[in-house]
Structure formats: C-alpha cells, structure tokens
Amino acid sequence: MMNNPPTIAPTQAAPMFRPRFDIGAQRIDCGREPDVATHDAADRFASWPLLDYSACEPTEDQAAINRWLAAADLRDRDILHVGTGNSSVARLLAGKVRGIVSVTVAHNEWQHGNALGLPQYSVHLLNKHSDDFARRFAPASFDCILDNNLASFACCQRHLERYFETLVSLLRPEGFILTHWLGMQWTLDVGVDDVEPVWQLDAGKLRAIASAYGLAVERQDELFFLRRARTPASGAAKP
C-alpha cells in the first residue's frame, strides 16, 4: 500500500509594509529586529555617553521637560518615560503620581533605576522600536508618555511607525505624549549605524507623523504635546 506524501499547508507571505506617512525617508525597512544591543557598536565608537546617562545630569531638553512636570498636576496619573537616564523623572514624581514606568537600552540605567527603590517605579530593559516593547504593556496603560528623542534612533521607517503605533495604543483617551525641540533636532550621527538626517524633526514633520495616527500637535515654547485630535463636535462638547 502506497503512502501519500503529507500535505504541506501553503505559507502566507508577510503583508507588504505600506508607510503611513512620507517625509522623505529612504530606509523604509532595515531588515532586522531591533533589540537592546542594536546601538552598542555606535555606543562603543562614540567619544561621549551615547546610551548610558545613569551617572549624568539631565540633558537640557530633559531638564525642560522636568520643569514642566514639576509644575503640572499629575495626581492619579500613570507615566511612561522612554529613555531612563539617571531616573530624574522618577525621582521628581515618585509618590506624586499613581505609577512610573521607564524603558531603556542601557544596562547601567536599568540597574541604577531599579536600585533606587522608589515607590511605584519600574524600569524595563527594552528597545522602544522592538516587538517586545510593542507587546510588553497593556493598551491604554498611560496618561503621559515622555520621550525627548522620538525619532533620534530610528533605524528605518517601518520600525519608527511601529513605535508610534505602540505609543498611540498605550495612551489613555485623554493622555498625551510630550517631547522637546532639542531632542527632535538630534539624530544618531557618530559614523556607525547613523540615522538618516530626515529624522531630524521640525514642527512640520512632527505634525505630518502625528496626523497619520490621529494625533494633534500643540506647541508650548520648546515643548510639543501630542494628543488625540478632536472632531469639532467632541471639541464643542468639552466644557
């Protein structure tokens, strides 16, 4: 009796990536999954702290964000800080908000933050462009997301878009993303794994990206807030 060969189910090709916006990027898909080691070569090549700011004072843009946070009423809010640094945000807000979560690719920042023992503060070792980050937290987990380098480490458009999709999914309905002009203008440029200059964001580019995800941009001096865009009807209904 002749055995029939096993039936092999046809494989489905991965869906073609179709960019949601166009600001002139040439590297659409870098072809590799980002992880915490993605920028290690550039970090070793750089002559200044590129990834690890655990022992540094906050940068000028982070300090400006911190000043805004210090004056804001964030009681009962959950905060996501992308780029842990020396945990200045957590040290500023611990005990004043409901919870603070931070992510970093720098092992020293991760260790330093967790060693502080601050209440309701957790630090995660993650690349923000990775699928692991996209799956780590439940949707609508945060009221405020801080990232002063939204596109500074963009390896390609596909992974930057995944990051923005994740940010939008993590925001609660009345939540916001906060960034700063100086961080928008900086991109990785040390001679190793450099980021395309197109990811140096200005207000126009930021609005083009934000609008692709239903977000509106509000500028306050050098701070930029991204919130869900309101329809005229919903805007009129708000007291």
C-alpha atoms as a PDB file:
ATOM      1  CA  MET A   1       0.000   0.000   0.000  1.00  0.00           C
ATOM      2  CA  MET A   2       1.471   3.328  -1.065  1.00  0.00           C
ATOM      3  CA  ASN A   3       1.593   6.106   1.479  1.00  0.00           C
ATOM      4  CA  ASN A   4       0.584   9.512   0.249  1.00  0.00           C
ATOM      5  CA  PRO A   5       3.060  12.323   0.988  1.00  0.00           C
ATOM      6  CA  PRO A   6       1.998  14.631   3.789  1.00  0.00           C
ATOM      7  CA  THR A   7       0.070  17.690   2.774  1.00  0.00           C
ATOM      8  CA  ILE A   8       2.010  20.890   3.382  1.00  0.00           C
ATOM      9  CA  ALA A   9      -0.083  23.925   4.022  1.00  0.00           C
ATOM     10  CA  PRO A  10       0.911  26.878   1.850  1.00  0.00           C
ATOM     11  CA  THR A  11       2.775  29.566   3.696  1.00  0.00           C
ATOM     12  CA  GLN A  12       1.366  33.046   3.688  1.00  0.00           C
ATOM     13  CA  ALA A  13       3.675  35.849   2.717  1.00  0.00           C
ATOM     14  CA  ALA A  14       4.077  38.594   5.265  1.00  0.00           C
ATOM     15  CA  PRO A  15       1.881  41.577   4.396  1.00  0.00           C
ATOM     16  CA  MET A  16       3.674  44.245   2.424  1.00  0.00           C
ATOM     17  CA  PHE A  17       4.635  47.231   4.520  1.00  0.00           C
ATOM     18  CA  ARG A  18       2.880  50.367   3.340  1.00  0.00           C
ATOM     19  CA  PRO A  19       4.150  53.559   5.010  1.00  0.00           C
ATOM     20  CA  ARG A  20       1.513  55.695   6.679  1.00  0.00           C
ATOM     21  CA  PHE A  21       3.328  58.963   6.008  1.00  0.00           C
ATOM     22  CA  ASP A  22       6.078  60.307   3.761  1.00  0.00           C
ATOM     23  CA  ILE A  23       8.660  62.815   4.965  1.00  0.00           C
ATOM     24  CA  GLY A  24      11.356  61.630   2.580  1.00  0.00           C
ATOM     25  CA  ALA A  25      12.931  58.626   4.347  1.00  0.00           C
ATOM     26  CA  GLN A  26      14.959  56.334   2.095  1.00  0.00           C
ATOM     27  CA  ARG A  27      15.487  53.425   4.505  1.00  0.00           C
ATOM     28  CA  ILE A  28      11.983  52.010   4.657  1.00  0.00           C
ATOM     29  CA  ASP A  29      12.819  48.657   6.264  1.00  0.00           C
ATOM     30  CA  CYS A  30      16.212  47.930   7.837  1.00  0.00           C
ATOM     31  CA  GLY A  31      15.556  44.187   7.697  1.00  0.00           C
ATOM     32  CA  ARG A  32      16.499  43.363  11.289  1.00  0.00           C
ATOM     33  CA  GLU A  33      14.544  43.256  14.507  1.00  0.00           C
ATOM     34  CA  PRO A  34      15.656  45.981  16.958  1.00  0.00           C
ATOM     35  CA  ASP A  35      16.829  44.891  20.402  1.00  0.00           C
ATOM     36  CA  VAL A  36      18.747  46.340  23.347  1.00  0.00           C
ATOM     37  CA  ALA A  37      22.075  45.703  21.580  1.00  0.00           C
ATOM     38  CA  THR A  38      21.125  47.459  18.338  1.00  0.00           C
ATOM     39  CA  HIS A  39      23.175  50.606  19.071  1.00  0.00           C
ATOM     40  CA  ASP A  40      26.044  49.006  21.008  1.00  0.00           C
ATOM     41  CA  ALA A  41      28.534  49.450  18.156  1.00  0.00           C
ATOM     42  CA  ALA A  42      27.721  53.148  17.886  1.00  0.00           C
ATOM     43  CA  ASP A  43      27.977  53.483  21.659  1.00  0.00           C
ATOM     44  CA  ARG A  44      31.486  51.997  21.645  1.00  0.00           C
ATOM     45  CA  PHE A  45      32.508  54.290  18.784  1.00  0.00           C
ATOM     46  CA  ALA A  46      31.192  57.500  20.339  1.00  0.00           C
ATOM     47  CA  SER A  47      33.520  59.620  22.468  1.00  0.00           C
ATOM     48  CA  TRP A  48      30.753  60.738  24.873  1.00  0.00           C
ATOM     49  CA  PRO A  49      27.896  58.956  26.648  1.00  0.00           C
ATOM     50  CA  LEU A  50      25.568  57.910  23.869  1.00  0.00           C
ATOM     51  CA  LEU A  51      23.244  55.462  25.617  1.00  0.00           C
ATOM     52  CA  ASP A  52      24.142  55.423  29.305  1.00  0.00           C
ATOM     53  CA  TYR A  53      23.210  58.571  31.237  1.00  0.00           C
ATOM     54  CA  SER A  54      22.835  56.873  34.601  1.00  0.00           C
ATOM     55  CA  ALA A  55      25.662  58.983  36.077  1.00  0.00           C
ATOM     56  CA  CYS A  56      24.873  62.198  34.168  1.00  0.00           C
ATOM     57  CA  GLU A  57      22.730  65.195  34.968  1.00  0.00           C
ATOM     58  CA  PRO A  58      19.619  65.536  32.794  1.00  0.00           C
ATOM     59  CA  THR A  59      20.245  66.966  29.338  1.00  0.00           C
ATOM     60  CA  GLU A  60      18.909  70.447  28.571  1.00  0.00           C
ATOM     61  CA  ASP A  61      15.779  69.100  26.899  1.00  0.00           C
ATOM     62  CA  GLN A  62      15.112  66.587  29.663  1.00  0.00           C
ATOM     63  CA  ALA A  63      15.580  69.323  32.262  1.00  0.00           C
ATOM     64  CA  ALA A  64      12.986  71.468  30.467  1.00  0.00           C
ATOM     65  CA  ILE A  65      10.530  68.567  30.470  1.00  0.00           C
ATOM     66  CA  ASN A  66      11.207  68.028  34.168  1.00  0.00           C
ATOM     67  CA  ARG A  67      10.421  71.675  34.927  1.00  0.00           C
ATOM     68  CA  TRP A  68       7.054  71.287  33.219  1.00  0.00           C
ATOM     69  CA  LEU A  69       6.379  68.070  35.123  1.00  0.00           C
ATOM     70  CA  ALA A  70       7.230  69.723  38.441  1.00  0.00           C
ATOM     71  CA  ALA A  71       4.548  72.378  37.866  1.00  0.00           C
ATOM     72  CA  ALA A  72       1.867  70.069  36.453  1.00  0.00           C
ATOM     73  CA  ASP A  73      -0.913  68.366  38.402  1.00  0.00           C
ATOM     74  CA  LEU A  74      -0.317  64.695  37.624  1.00  0.00           C
ATOM     75  CA  ARG A  75      -2.072  63.135  40.609  1.00  0.00           C
ATOM     76  CA  ASP A  76      -3.546  59.708  39.845  1.00  0.00           C
ATOM     77  CA  ARG A  77      -1.704  59.615  36.521  1.00  0.00           C
ATOM     78  CA  ASP A  78       0.428  56.793  35.112  1.00  0.00           C
ATOM     79  CA  ILE A  79       3.659  57.907  33.455  1.00  0.00           C
ATOM     80  CA  LEU A  80       5.803  56.173  30.823  1.00  0.00           C
ATOM     81  CA  HIS A  81       9.311  57.594  30.452  1.00  0.00           C
ATOM     82  CA  VAL A  82      11.139  56.412  27.330  1.00  0.00           C
ATOM     83  CA  GLY A  83      14.865  56.820  27.937  1.00  0.00           C
ATOM     84  CA  THR A  84      15.519  56.341  31.641  1.00  0.00           C
ATOM     85  CA  GLY A  85      18.703  58.381  32.024  1.00  0.00           C
ATOM     86  CA  ASN A  86      19.501  58.907  35.695  1.00  0.00           C
ATOM     87  CA  SER A  87      15.834  58.347  36.630  1.00  0.00           C
ATOM     88  CA  SER A  88      15.332  62.080  37.157  1.00  0.00           C
ATOM     89  CA  VAL A  89      11.661  61.809  36.189  1.00  0.00           C
ATOM     90  CA  ALA A  90      11.039  59.060  38.726  1.00  0.00           C
ATOM     91  CA  ARG A  91      12.919  60.892  41.476  1.00  0.00           C
ATOM     92  CA  LEU A  92      10.869  64.003  40.713  1.00  0.00           C
ATOM     93  CA  LEU A  93       7.452  62.334  40.591  1.00  0.00           C
ATOM     94  CA  ALA A  94       7.690  59.320  42.911  1.00  0.00           C
ATOM     95  CA  GLY A  95       4.897  59.494  45.469  1.00  0.00           C
ATOM     96  CA  LYS A  96       3.119  62.242  43.494  1.00  0.00           C
ATOM     97  CA  VAL A  97       1.670  60.106  40.675  1.00  0.00           C
ATOM     98  CA  ARG A  98      -0.003  56.699  40.547  1.00  0.00           C
ATOM     99  CA  GLY A  99       2.900  54.948  38.839  1.00  0.00           C
ATOM    100  CA  ILE A 100       6.014  55.465  36.740  1.00  0.00           C
ATOM    101  CA  VAL A 101       7.369  53.031  34.167  1.00  0.00           C
ATOM    102  CA  SER A 102      10.615  53.631  32.332  1.00  0.00           C
ATOM    103  CA  VAL A 103      12.346  51.844  29.449  1.00  0.00           C
ATOM    104  CA  THR A 104      15.988  51.953  28.403  1.00  0.00           C
ATOM    105  CA  VAL A 105      18.522  50.063  26.282  1.00  0.00           C
ATOM    106  CA  ALA A 106      21.341  50.877  28.735  1.00  0.00           C
ATOM    107  CA  HIS A 107      22.065  48.173  31.312  1.00  0.00           C
ATOM    108  CA  ASN A 108      23.529  50.705  33.767  1.00  0.00           C
ATOM    109  CA  GLU A 109      20.399  52.874  33.585  1.00  0.00           C
ATOM    110  CA  TRP A 110      18.254  49.801  34.183  1.00  0.00           C
ATOM    111  CA  GLN A 111      20.318  48.698  37.176  1.00  0.00           C
ATOM    112  CA  HIS A 112      20.568  52.217  38.613  1.00  0.00           C
ATOM    113  CA  GLY A 113      16.834  52.860  38.333  1.00  0.00           C
ATOM    114  CA  ASN A 114      15.828  49.589  39.925  1.00  0.00           C
ATOM    115  CA  ALA A 115      18.376  50.066  42.731  1.00  0.00           C
ATOM    116  CA  LEU A 116      16.741  53.352  43.783  1.00  0.00           C
ATOM    117  CA  GLY A 117      13.828  51.530  45.348  1.00  0.00           C
ATOM    118  CA  LEU A 118      11.375  54.310  44.544  1.00  0.00           C
ATOM    119  CA  PRO A 119       7.683  53.580  45.176  1.00  0.00           C
ATOM    120  CA  GLN A 120       5.592  52.531  42.189  1.00  0.00           C
ATOM    121  CA  TYR A 121       8.617  52.768  39.853  1.00  0.00           C
ATOM    122  CA  SER A 122       9.716  50.027  37.471  1.00  0.00           C
ATOM    123  CA  VAL A 123      12.452  50.056  34.830  1.00  0.00           C
ATOM    124  CA  HIS A 124      12.434  47.748  31.807  1.00  0.00           C
ATOM    125  CA  LEU A 125      15.365  46.858  29.560  1.00  0.00           C
ATOM    126  CA  LEU A 126      13.782  47.282  26.136  1.00  0.00           C
ATOM    127  CA  ASN A 127      14.377  48.808  22.720  1.00  0.00           C
ATOM    128  CA  LYS A 128      11.394  51.070  22.077  1.00  0.00           C
ATOM    129  CA  HIS A 129      11.327  50.078  18.395  1.00  0.00           C
ATOM    130  CA  SER A 130      11.156  46.356  19.200  1.00  0.00           C
ATOM    131  CA  ASP A 131       8.244  43.985  19.022  1.00  0.00           C
ATOM    132  CA  ASP A 132       8.958  43.142  22.679  1.00  0.00           C
ATOM    133  CA  PHE A 133       8.194  46.749  23.652  1.00  0.00           C
ATOM    134  CA  ALA A 134       5.059  46.742  21.497  1.00  0.00           C
ATOM    135  CA  ARG A 135       3.763  43.709  23.435  1.00  0.00           C
ATOM    136  CA  ARG A 136       5.022  44.457  26.950  1.00  0.00           C
ATOM    137  CA  PHE A 137       2.301  46.755  28.310  1.00  0.00           C
ATOM    138  CA  ALA A 138      -1.466  46.577  28.174  1.00  0.00           C
ATOM    139  CA  PRO A 139      -3.299  49.018  25.884  1.00  0.00           C
ATOM    140  CA  ALA A 140      -4.394  52.320  27.425  1.00  0.00           C
ATOM    141  CA  SER A 141      -1.932  51.971  30.324  1.00  0.00           C
ATOM    142  CA  PHE A 142      -0.598  55.532  30.460  1.00  0.00           C
ATOM    143  CA  ASP A 143      -1.814  59.096  30.809  1.00  0.00           C
ATOM    144  CA  CYS A 144       1.527  60.714  29.981  1.00  0.00           C
ATOM    145  CA  ILE A 145       4.337  59.416  27.756  1.00  0.00           C
ATOM    146  CA  LEU A 146       7.669  61.242  27.785  1.00  0.00           C
ATOM    147  CA  ASP A 147      10.272  60.879  25.036  1.00  0.00           C
ATOM    148  CA  ASN A 148      12.598  63.741  24.191  1.00  0.00           C
ATOM    149  CA  ASN A 149      14.115  61.697  21.320  1.00  0.00           C
ATOM    150  CA  LEU A 150      11.068  60.489  19.396  1.00  0.00           C
ATOM    151  CA  ALA A 151      12.919  59.720  16.134  1.00  0.00           C
ATOM    152  CA  SER A 152      16.576  60.197  17.087  1.00  0.00           C
ATOM    153  CA  PHE A 153      17.385  56.463  16.922  1.00  0.00           C
ATOM    154  CA  ALA A 154      15.066  55.496  14.047  1.00  0.00           C
ATOM    155  CA  CYS A 155      16.676  52.572  12.229  1.00  0.00           C
ATOM    156  CA  CYS A 156      14.042  52.712   9.483  1.00  0.00           C
ATOM    157  CA  GLN A 157      10.541  53.951   8.783  1.00  0.00           C
ATOM    158  CA  ARG A 158       8.916  50.576   9.423  1.00  0.00           C
ATOM    159  CA  HIS A 159      10.176  50.374  12.990  1.00  0.00           C
ATOM    160  CA  LEU A 160       9.525  54.038  13.742  1.00  0.00           C
ATOM    161  CA  GLU A 161       5.944  53.534  12.612  1.00  0.00           C
ATOM    162  CA  ARG A 162       5.663  50.502  14.889  1.00  0.00           C
ATOM    163  CA  TYR A 163       6.851  52.698  17.756  1.00  0.00           C
ATOM    164  CA  PHE A 164       4.223  55.357  17.072  1.00  0.00           C
ATOM    165  CA  GLU A 165       1.527  52.703  16.714  1.00  0.00           C
ATOM    166  CA  THR A 166       2.562  51.397  20.129  1.00  0.00           C
ATOM    167  CA  LEU A 167       2.536  54.852  21.708  1.00  0.00           C
ATOM    168  CA  VAL A 168      -0.969  55.526  20.456  1.00  0.00           C
ATOM    169  CA  SER A 169      -2.188  52.156  21.704  1.00  0.00           C
ATOM    170  CA  LEU A 170      -0.673  52.803  25.153  1.00  0.00           C
ATOM    171  CA  LEU A 171      -2.292  56.234  25.570  1.00  0.00           C
ATOM    172  CA  ARG A 172      -5.496  56.607  27.511  1.00  0.00           C
ATOM    173  CA  PRO A 173      -8.194  58.691  25.763  1.00  0.00           C
ATOM    174  CA  GLU A 174      -7.193  61.970  27.433  1.00  0.00           C
ATOM    175  CA  GLY A 175      -3.487  61.147  27.534  1.00  0.00           C
ATOM    176  CA  PHE A 176      -0.620  62.929  25.826  1.00  0.00           C
ATOM    177  CA  ILE A 177       2.905  62.418  24.516  1.00  0.00           C
ATOM    178  CA  LEU A 178       5.464  65.072  25.472  1.00  0.00           C
ATOM    179  CA  THR A 179       8.695  65.783  23.604  1.00  0.00           C
ATOM    180  CA  HIS A 180      11.149  68.656  23.192  1.00  0.00           C
ATOM    181  CA  TRP A 181      12.532  70.649  20.280  1.00  0.00           C
ATOM    182  CA  LEU A 182      16.194  69.894  21.044  1.00  0.00           C
ATOM    183  CA  GLY A 183      15.648  66.154  21.114  1.00  0.00           C
ATOM    184  CA  MET A 184      13.604  66.350  17.922  1.00  0.00           C
ATOM    185  CA  GLN A 185      16.532  68.018  16.168  1.00  0.00           C
ATOM    186  CA  TRP A 186      19.144  65.435  17.206  1.00  0.00           C
ATOM    187  CA  THR A 187      19.782  62.128  15.450  1.00  0.00           C
ATOM    188  CA  LEU A 188      22.413  59.433  15.907  1.00  0.00           C
ATOM    189  CA  ASP A 189      25.379  60.602  13.822  1.00  0.00           C
ATOM    190  CA  VAL A 190      28.697  59.212  15.066  1.00  0.00           C
ATOM    191  CA  GLY A 191      29.868  57.302  11.977  1.00  0.00           C
ATOM    192  CA  VAL A 192      28.405  53.919  12.983  1.00  0.00           C
ATOM    193  CA  ASP A 193      24.763  52.890  12.392  1.00  0.00           C
ATOM    194  CA  ASP A 194      23.896  56.519  11.715  1.00  0.00           C
ATOM    195  CA  VAL A 195      20.267  57.576  11.440  1.00  0.00           C
ATOM    196  CA  GLU A 196      19.015  59.249   8.277  1.00  0.00           C
ATOM    197  CA  PRO A 197      19.072  63.051   8.641  1.00  0.00           C
ATOM    198  CA  VAL A 198      15.424  63.120   7.559  1.00  0.00           C
ATOM    199  CA  TRP A 199      14.540  62.004  11.102  1.00  0.00           C
ATOM    200  CA  GLN A 200      15.699  65.354  12.446  1.00  0.00           C
ATOM    201  CA  LEU A 201      12.203  66.571  13.150  1.00  0.00           C
ATOM    202  CA  ASP A 202      10.803  70.057  12.868  1.00  0.00           C
ATOM    203  CA  ALA A 203       7.260  71.094  13.718  1.00  0.00           C
ATOM    204  CA  GLY A 204       6.018  70.307  10.214  1.00  0.00           C
ATOM    205  CA  LYS A 205       7.451  66.794  10.146  1.00  0.00           C
ATOM    206  CA  LEU A 206       6.129  66.082  13.618  1.00  0.00           C
ATOM    207  CA  ARG A 207       2.642  67.169  12.570  1.00  0.00           C
ATOM    208  CA  ALA A 208       2.833  65.004   9.430  1.00  0.00           C
ATOM    209  CA  ILE A 209       3.737  61.954  11.516  1.00  0.00           C
ATOM    210  CA  ALA A 210       1.232  62.727  14.262  1.00  0.00           C
ATOM    211  CA  SER A 211      -1.665  63.222  11.847  1.00  0.00           C
ATOM    212  CA  ALA A 212      -1.078  59.728  10.413  1.00  0.00           C
ATOM    213  CA  TYR A 213      -2.052  58.385  13.847  1.00  0.00           C
ATOM    214  CA  GLY A 214      -4.936  60.730  14.565  1.00  0.00           C
ATOM    215  CA  LEU A 215      -2.867  62.957  16.833  1.00  0.00           C
ATOM    216  CA  ALA A 216      -2.793  66.735  17.016  1.00  0.00           C
ATOM    217  CA  VAL A 217       0.329  68.682  17.972  1.00  0.00           C
ATOM    218  CA  GLU A 218       0.335  71.589  20.391  1.00  0.00           C
ATOM    219  CA  ARG A 219       3.477  73.638  20.913  1.00  0.00           C
ATOM    220  CA  GLN A 220       4.344  75.443  24.144  1.00  0.00           C
ATOM    221  CA  ASP A 221       7.669  77.203  23.578  1.00  0.00           C
ATOM    222  CA  GLU A 222      10.112  74.313  23.006  1.00  0.00           C
ATOM    223  CA  LEU A 223       7.776  71.625  24.326  1.00  0.00           C
ATOM    224  CA  PHE A 224       5.492  69.679  21.997  1.00  0.00           C
ATOM    225  CA  PHE A 225       2.367  67.823  23.162  1.00  0.00           C
ATOM    226  CA  LEU A 226       0.712  65.159  21.021  1.00  0.00           C
ATOM    227  CA  ARG A 227      -2.913  64.364  21.851  1.00  0.00           C
ATOM    228  CA  ARG A 228      -5.735  62.606  20.075  1.00  0.00           C
ATOM    229  CA  ALA A 229      -7.250  65.006  17.602  1.00  0.00           C
ATOM    230  CA  ARG A 230     -10.786  66.080  18.456  1.00  0.00           C
ATOM    231  CA  THR A 231     -13.593  66.376  15.972  1.00  0.00           C
ATOM    232  CA  PRO A 232     -15.450  69.712  16.035  1.00  0.00           C
ATOM    233  CA  ALA A 233     -18.383  68.006  17.791  1.00  0.00           C
ATOM    234  CA  SER A 234     -16.248  66.447  20.522  1.00  0.00           C
ATOM    235  CA  GLY A 235     -14.317  69.656  20.949  1.00  0.00           C
ATOM    236  CA  ALA A 236     -17.542  71.628  21.393  1.00  0.00           C
ATOM    237  CA  ALA A 237     -18.857  69.172  23.972  1.00  0.00           C
ATOM    238  CA  LYS A 238     -15.895  69.632  26.293  1.00  0.00           C
ATOM    239  CA  PRO A 239     -16.566  72.296  28.957  1.00  0.00           C
END
